[in-house]
N, C-alpha and C. Protein backbone atom coordinates (compact mmCIF):
# COMPACT_ATOMS: atom_id res chain seq x y z
N UNK A 1 35.21 96.46 -78.55
CA UNK A 1 35.02 97.18 -79.79
C UNK A 1 36.37 97.74 -80.23
N UNK A 2 36.66 97.62 -81.51
CA UNK A 2 37.84 98.23 -82.10
C UNK A 2 37.35 99.30 -83.06
N UNK A 3 37.89 100.51 -82.91
CA UNK A 3 37.41 101.60 -83.74
C UNK A 3 38.52 102.63 -83.97
N UNK A 4 38.42 103.38 -85.06
CA UNK A 4 39.41 104.41 -85.36
C UNK A 4 39.33 105.56 -84.36
N UNK A 5 40.48 106.12 -84.06
CA UNK A 5 40.54 107.25 -83.14
C UNK A 5 40.34 108.57 -83.83
N UNK A 6 39.28 108.68 -84.63
CA UNK A 6 39.02 109.91 -85.38
C UNK A 6 37.86 110.72 -84.80
N UNK A 7 37.30 110.26 -83.69
CA UNK A 7 36.18 110.95 -83.02
C UNK A 7 34.94 111.10 -83.88
N UNK A 8 34.78 110.23 -84.88
CA UNK A 8 33.60 110.26 -85.74
C UNK A 8 32.81 108.98 -85.52
N UNK A 9 31.62 109.10 -84.96
CA UNK A 9 30.81 107.92 -84.66
C UNK A 9 30.35 107.19 -85.92
N UNK A 10 30.48 107.81 -87.07
CA UNK A 10 30.08 107.16 -88.32
C UNK A 10 31.21 106.34 -88.93
N UNK A 11 32.40 106.38 -88.34
CA UNK A 11 33.52 105.59 -88.85
C UNK A 11 33.25 104.11 -88.64
N UNK A 12 33.86 103.25 -89.45
CA UNK A 12 33.63 101.81 -89.28
C UNK A 12 34.21 101.32 -87.97
N UNK A 13 33.61 100.28 -87.42
CA UNK A 13 34.14 99.64 -86.23
C UNK A 13 33.83 98.15 -86.30
N UNK A 14 34.41 97.42 -85.40
CA UNK A 14 34.14 96.00 -85.30
C UNK A 14 34.05 95.68 -83.81
N UNK A 15 33.07 94.86 -83.44
CA UNK A 15 32.91 94.56 -82.02
C UNK A 15 32.52 93.11 -81.82
N UNK A 16 32.90 92.62 -80.66
CA UNK A 16 32.58 91.28 -80.23
C UNK A 16 32.29 91.33 -78.74
N UNK A 17 31.52 90.36 -78.23
CA UNK A 17 31.52 90.19 -76.77
C UNK A 17 32.91 89.65 -76.38
N UNK A 18 33.28 89.73 -75.12
CA UNK A 18 34.61 89.28 -74.71
C UNK A 18 34.89 87.85 -75.18
N UNK A 19 33.93 86.96 -75.04
CA UNK A 19 34.16 85.58 -75.45
C UNK A 19 34.33 85.49 -76.97
N UNK A 20 33.60 86.29 -77.71
CA UNK A 20 33.73 86.29 -79.17
C UNK A 20 35.09 86.79 -79.62
N UNK A 21 35.59 87.85 -78.96
CA UNK A 21 36.91 88.38 -79.29
C UNK A 21 37.98 87.35 -78.95
N UNK A 22 37.80 86.67 -77.83
CA UNK A 22 38.74 85.62 -77.44
C UNK A 22 38.76 84.50 -78.49
N UNK A 23 37.60 84.06 -78.91
CA UNK A 23 37.53 82.99 -79.93
C UNK A 23 38.14 83.45 -81.24
N UNK A 24 37.90 84.69 -81.63
CA UNK A 24 38.47 85.23 -82.86
C UNK A 24 39.99 85.24 -82.79
N UNK A 25 40.54 85.71 -81.68
CA UNK A 25 42.00 85.75 -81.56
C UNK A 25 42.60 84.35 -81.48
N UNK A 26 41.92 83.42 -80.83
CA UNK A 26 42.41 82.03 -80.81
C UNK A 26 42.45 81.48 -82.23
N UNK A 27 41.44 81.78 -83.01
CA UNK A 27 41.38 81.32 -84.40
C UNK A 27 42.51 81.93 -85.22
N UNK A 28 42.76 83.24 -85.05
CA UNK A 28 43.86 83.89 -85.76
C UNK A 28 45.21 83.30 -85.35
N UNK A 29 45.40 83.06 -84.05
CA UNK A 29 46.65 82.47 -83.58
C UNK A 29 46.85 81.09 -84.21
N UNK A 30 45.79 80.32 -84.28
CA UNK A 30 45.87 79.00 -84.90
C UNK A 30 46.27 79.13 -86.36
N UNK A 31 45.71 80.12 -87.06
CA UNK A 31 46.09 80.36 -88.45
C UNK A 31 47.57 80.73 -88.57
N UNK A 32 48.12 81.32 -87.50
CA UNK A 32 49.52 81.72 -87.47
C UNK A 32 50.43 80.59 -86.98
N UNK A 33 49.83 79.47 -86.60
CA UNK A 33 50.62 78.30 -86.24
C UNK A 33 50.95 78.14 -84.77
N UNK A 34 50.22 78.81 -83.90
CA UNK A 34 50.45 78.61 -82.47
C UNK A 34 49.12 78.66 -81.73
N UNK A 35 49.16 78.24 -80.47
CA UNK A 35 47.97 78.20 -79.63
C UNK A 35 48.02 79.37 -78.67
N UNK A 36 47.02 80.23 -78.72
CA UNK A 36 47.00 81.44 -77.91
C UNK A 36 47.06 81.14 -76.42
N UNK A 37 46.39 80.09 -75.98
CA UNK A 37 46.36 79.78 -74.55
C UNK A 37 47.71 79.31 -74.02
N UNK A 38 48.66 79.01 -74.89
CA UNK A 38 50.01 78.65 -74.46
C UNK A 38 50.88 79.89 -74.23
N UNK A 39 50.37 81.05 -74.64
CA UNK A 39 51.16 82.28 -74.61
C UNK A 39 51.09 82.97 -73.25
N UNK A 40 52.18 83.62 -72.89
CA UNK A 40 52.24 84.43 -71.68
C UNK A 40 51.15 85.50 -71.77
N UNK A 41 50.39 85.62 -70.71
CA UNK A 41 49.28 86.58 -70.68
C UNK A 41 47.95 85.95 -71.04
N UNK A 42 48.00 84.71 -71.54
CA UNK A 42 46.77 84.00 -71.92
C UNK A 42 46.69 82.63 -71.24
N UNK A 43 47.43 82.50 -70.13
CA UNK A 43 47.38 81.26 -69.36
C UNK A 43 48.60 80.38 -69.52
N UNK A 44 49.46 80.68 -70.47
CA UNK A 44 50.63 79.85 -70.71
C UNK A 44 51.93 80.54 -70.35
N UNK A 45 53.01 79.86 -70.62
CA UNK A 45 54.34 80.35 -70.28
C UNK A 45 55.13 80.81 -71.51
N UNK A 46 54.67 80.46 -72.70
CA UNK A 46 55.43 80.77 -73.91
C UNK A 46 55.53 82.28 -74.10
N UNK A 47 56.73 82.74 -74.38
CA UNK A 47 56.97 84.16 -74.57
C UNK A 47 56.62 84.59 -75.99
N UNK A 48 56.14 85.81 -76.13
CA UNK A 48 55.73 86.33 -77.44
C UNK A 48 56.88 86.44 -78.42
N UNK A 49 58.08 86.64 -77.92
CA UNK A 49 59.24 86.73 -78.83
C UNK A 49 59.53 85.41 -79.51
N UNK A 50 58.90 84.32 -79.05
CA UNK A 50 59.12 83.00 -79.66
C UNK A 50 58.25 82.77 -80.89
N UNK A 51 57.32 83.68 -81.17
CA UNK A 51 56.48 83.55 -82.37
C UNK A 51 56.74 84.73 -83.29
N UNK A 52 56.62 84.46 -84.56
CA UNK A 52 56.82 85.51 -85.55
C UNK A 52 55.52 85.72 -86.31
N UNK A 53 54.85 86.80 -86.00
CA UNK A 53 53.61 87.14 -86.68
C UNK A 53 53.41 88.64 -86.68
N UNK A 54 52.98 89.17 -87.79
CA UNK A 54 52.67 90.60 -87.85
C UNK A 54 51.38 90.91 -87.10
N UNK A 55 50.66 89.87 -86.68
CA UNK A 55 49.41 90.06 -85.94
C UNK A 55 49.62 90.18 -84.44
N UNK A 56 50.87 90.12 -83.98
CA UNK A 56 51.15 90.18 -82.54
C UNK A 56 50.54 91.40 -81.85
N UNK A 57 50.55 92.60 -82.45
CA UNK A 57 49.93 93.74 -81.75
C UNK A 57 48.45 93.52 -81.43
N UNK A 58 47.75 92.78 -82.26
CA UNK A 58 46.34 92.47 -82.02
C UNK A 58 46.19 91.29 -81.07
N UNK A 59 46.99 90.25 -81.30
CA UNK A 59 46.85 89.03 -80.51
C UNK A 59 47.35 89.21 -79.08
N UNK A 60 48.41 89.97 -78.90
CA UNK A 60 48.99 90.16 -77.58
C UNK A 60 48.57 91.53 -77.04
N UNK A 61 47.29 91.71 -76.90
CA UNK A 61 46.74 92.98 -76.44
C UNK A 61 45.64 92.71 -75.43
N UNK A 62 45.55 93.51 -74.37
CA UNK A 62 44.44 93.33 -73.44
C UNK A 62 43.10 93.45 -74.16
N UNK A 63 42.11 92.77 -73.65
CA UNK A 63 40.81 92.71 -74.32
C UNK A 63 40.18 94.07 -74.59
N UNK A 64 40.10 94.92 -73.60
CA UNK A 64 39.34 96.15 -73.80
C UNK A 64 40.05 97.39 -73.35
N UNK A 65 41.34 97.30 -73.17
CA UNK A 65 42.10 98.45 -72.69
C UNK A 65 43.51 98.29 -73.23
N UNK A 66 44.40 99.09 -72.76
CA UNK A 66 45.79 99.00 -73.21
C UNK A 66 46.10 100.03 -74.25
N UNK A 67 47.29 99.96 -74.79
CA UNK A 67 47.71 100.99 -75.75
C UNK A 67 46.94 100.88 -77.07
N UNK A 68 46.71 102.02 -77.67
CA UNK A 68 46.11 102.03 -79.00
C UNK A 68 47.14 101.51 -79.99
N UNK A 69 46.69 101.01 -81.12
CA UNK A 69 47.60 100.56 -82.16
C UNK A 69 47.81 101.71 -83.14
N UNK A 70 49.04 101.90 -83.54
CA UNK A 70 49.38 102.99 -84.45
C UNK A 70 48.93 102.67 -85.87
N UNK A 71 48.82 103.68 -86.71
CA UNK A 71 48.52 103.41 -88.12
C UNK A 71 49.56 102.49 -88.76
N UNK A 72 50.82 102.62 -88.36
CA UNK A 72 51.87 101.74 -88.91
C UNK A 72 51.64 100.29 -88.49
N UNK A 73 51.24 100.05 -87.25
CA UNK A 73 50.93 98.69 -86.81
C UNK A 73 49.73 98.15 -87.58
N UNK A 74 48.74 98.98 -87.81
CA UNK A 74 47.56 98.57 -88.58
C UNK A 74 47.99 98.18 -90.00
N UNK A 75 48.82 98.99 -90.61
CA UNK A 75 49.28 98.72 -91.98
C UNK A 75 50.06 97.42 -92.05
N UNK A 76 50.85 97.13 -91.03
CA UNK A 76 51.66 95.91 -91.02
C UNK A 76 50.78 94.67 -90.94
N UNK A 77 49.65 94.75 -90.28
CA UNK A 77 48.77 93.59 -90.13
C UNK A 77 47.92 93.31 -91.36
N UNK A 78 47.66 94.32 -92.16
CA UNK A 78 46.74 94.17 -93.29
C UNK A 78 47.11 93.06 -94.27
N UNK A 79 48.35 92.96 -94.74
CA UNK A 79 48.66 91.89 -95.70
C UNK A 79 48.40 90.49 -95.16
N UNK A 80 48.75 90.25 -93.89
CA UNK A 80 48.56 88.92 -93.33
C UNK A 80 47.08 88.62 -93.15
N UNK A 81 46.30 89.59 -92.72
CA UNK A 81 44.85 89.37 -92.60
C UNK A 81 44.24 89.10 -93.97
N UNK A 82 44.70 89.81 -94.99
CA UNK A 82 44.22 89.55 -96.35
C UNK A 82 44.57 88.14 -96.82
N UNK A 83 45.76 87.67 -96.47
CA UNK A 83 46.17 86.32 -96.85
C UNK A 83 45.33 85.27 -96.13
N UNK A 84 45.06 85.50 -94.85
CA UNK A 84 44.19 84.58 -94.10
C UNK A 84 42.80 84.55 -94.72
N UNK A 85 42.30 85.70 -95.07
CA UNK A 85 40.99 85.79 -95.71
C UNK A 85 40.98 85.01 -97.02
N UNK A 86 42.00 85.19 -97.84
CA UNK A 86 42.08 84.47 -99.11
C UNK A 86 42.16 82.96 -98.90
N UNK A 87 42.90 82.52 -97.90
CA UNK A 87 43.06 81.09 -97.64
C UNK A 87 41.78 80.46 -97.13
N UNK A 88 41.04 81.17 -96.33
CA UNK A 88 39.89 80.59 -95.63
C UNK A 88 38.56 80.74 -96.36
N UNK A 89 38.47 81.56 -97.37
CA UNK A 89 37.19 81.78 -98.02
C UNK A 89 36.61 80.51 -98.61
N UNK A 90 37.47 79.56 -98.98
CA UNK A 90 36.97 78.31 -99.55
C UNK A 90 36.37 77.40 -98.47
N UNK A 91 36.59 77.71 -97.20
CA UNK A 91 36.05 76.91 -96.09
C UNK A 91 34.71 77.43 -95.60
N UNK A 92 34.00 78.18 -96.42
CA UNK A 92 32.81 78.89 -95.92
C UNK A 92 31.58 78.02 -95.74
N UNK A 93 31.70 76.69 -95.86
CA UNK A 93 30.54 75.85 -95.59
C UNK A 93 30.30 75.69 -94.08
N UNK A 94 31.31 75.94 -93.28
CA UNK A 94 31.20 75.86 -91.83
C UNK A 94 30.74 77.22 -91.30
N UNK A 95 29.64 77.27 -90.52
CA UNK A 95 29.15 78.56 -90.02
C UNK A 95 30.14 79.29 -89.12
N UNK A 96 30.95 78.57 -88.38
CA UNK A 96 31.96 79.21 -87.53
C UNK A 96 33.02 79.89 -88.40
N UNK A 97 33.45 79.19 -89.44
CA UNK A 97 34.44 79.76 -90.36
C UNK A 97 33.84 80.97 -91.08
N UNK A 98 32.58 80.88 -91.48
CA UNK A 98 31.92 82.03 -92.12
C UNK A 98 31.94 83.24 -91.19
N UNK A 99 31.68 83.02 -89.90
CA UNK A 99 31.69 84.11 -88.93
C UNK A 99 33.09 84.71 -88.82
N UNK A 100 34.11 83.87 -88.75
CA UNK A 100 35.50 84.35 -88.65
C UNK A 100 35.90 85.12 -89.91
N UNK A 101 35.48 84.63 -91.06
CA UNK A 101 35.78 85.32 -92.32
C UNK A 101 35.16 86.71 -92.30
N UNK A 102 33.92 86.81 -91.84
CA UNK A 102 33.26 88.12 -91.75
C UNK A 102 33.97 89.02 -90.73
N UNK A 103 34.42 88.43 -89.62
CA UNK A 103 35.18 89.20 -88.63
C UNK A 103 36.45 89.76 -89.25
N UNK A 104 37.16 88.95 -90.02
CA UNK A 104 38.39 89.41 -90.67
C UNK A 104 38.07 90.53 -91.66
N UNK A 105 37.01 90.37 -92.43
CA UNK A 105 36.62 91.41 -93.38
C UNK A 105 36.35 92.74 -92.67
N UNK A 106 35.60 92.69 -91.59
CA UNK A 106 35.28 93.90 -90.85
C UNK A 106 36.54 94.52 -90.24
N UNK A 107 37.41 93.68 -89.71
CA UNK A 107 38.65 94.19 -89.13
C UNK A 107 39.52 94.84 -90.20
N UNK A 108 39.61 94.23 -91.35
CA UNK A 108 40.38 94.82 -92.46
C UNK A 108 39.83 96.19 -92.82
N UNK A 109 38.51 96.32 -92.88
CA UNK A 109 37.89 97.62 -93.19
C UNK A 109 38.31 98.68 -92.18
N UNK A 110 38.27 98.33 -90.89
CA UNK A 110 38.63 99.28 -89.85
C UNK A 110 40.12 99.62 -89.92
N UNK A 111 40.97 98.62 -90.10
CA UNK A 111 42.41 98.87 -90.18
C UNK A 111 42.76 99.74 -91.37
N UNK A 112 42.15 99.47 -92.52
CA UNK A 112 42.40 100.31 -93.70
C UNK A 112 41.99 101.76 -93.45
N UNK A 113 40.87 101.93 -92.80
CA UNK A 113 40.40 103.27 -92.46
C UNK A 113 41.43 103.98 -91.58
N UNK A 114 41.94 103.27 -90.57
CA UNK A 114 42.95 103.85 -89.68
C UNK A 114 44.20 104.26 -90.46
N UNK A 115 44.62 103.42 -91.38
CA UNK A 115 45.80 103.72 -92.18
C UNK A 115 45.53 104.91 -93.09
N UNK A 116 44.40 104.88 -93.79
CA UNK A 116 44.07 105.96 -94.74
C UNK A 116 43.90 107.31 -94.05
N UNK A 117 43.32 107.32 -92.85
CA UNK A 117 43.08 108.57 -92.12
C UNK A 117 44.22 108.91 -91.17
N UNK A 118 45.21 108.01 -91.08
CA UNK A 118 46.36 108.19 -90.19
C UNK A 118 45.92 108.42 -88.75
N UNK A 119 45.05 107.51 -88.26
CA UNK A 119 44.58 107.55 -86.89
C UNK A 119 44.83 106.20 -86.23
N UNK A 120 44.86 106.21 -84.91
CA UNK A 120 45.10 104.99 -84.14
C UNK A 120 43.86 104.11 -84.10
N UNK A 121 44.11 102.82 -83.89
CA UNK A 121 43.04 101.86 -83.63
C UNK A 121 42.87 101.78 -82.12
N UNK A 122 41.65 102.03 -81.67
CA UNK A 122 41.37 102.08 -80.25
C UNK A 122 40.62 100.83 -79.82
N UNK A 123 41.04 100.28 -78.70
CA UNK A 123 40.35 99.15 -78.07
C UNK A 123 39.45 99.74 -76.99
N UNK A 124 38.17 99.57 -77.14
CA UNK A 124 37.26 100.16 -76.15
C UNK A 124 36.14 99.25 -75.77
């Protein structure tokens, strides 16, 4: 689950089972032009400094623990997630793509909330 660190249970959140979060991040990495399983920490040897993506704080993060993401990191990811959303919305005939599009929408909502409230994004 990803949620704002504002201690309000009514704040927006987004959650996946571990396998769902893994599939979502693999899909985002593919949209960024690389394969997540080739990356260090995900079974591969490729170093993170070899890829250029504003989504690295999300993609290169432990599944359910690790450091919280700052509001600045959240803000940096928003434009790229919006661009991915814009690019993929026309692919909505595939149910898997529809699910990923909805995941991106929910994540954008949570990230915007974190930025607007100036709170961290927590992985829990």
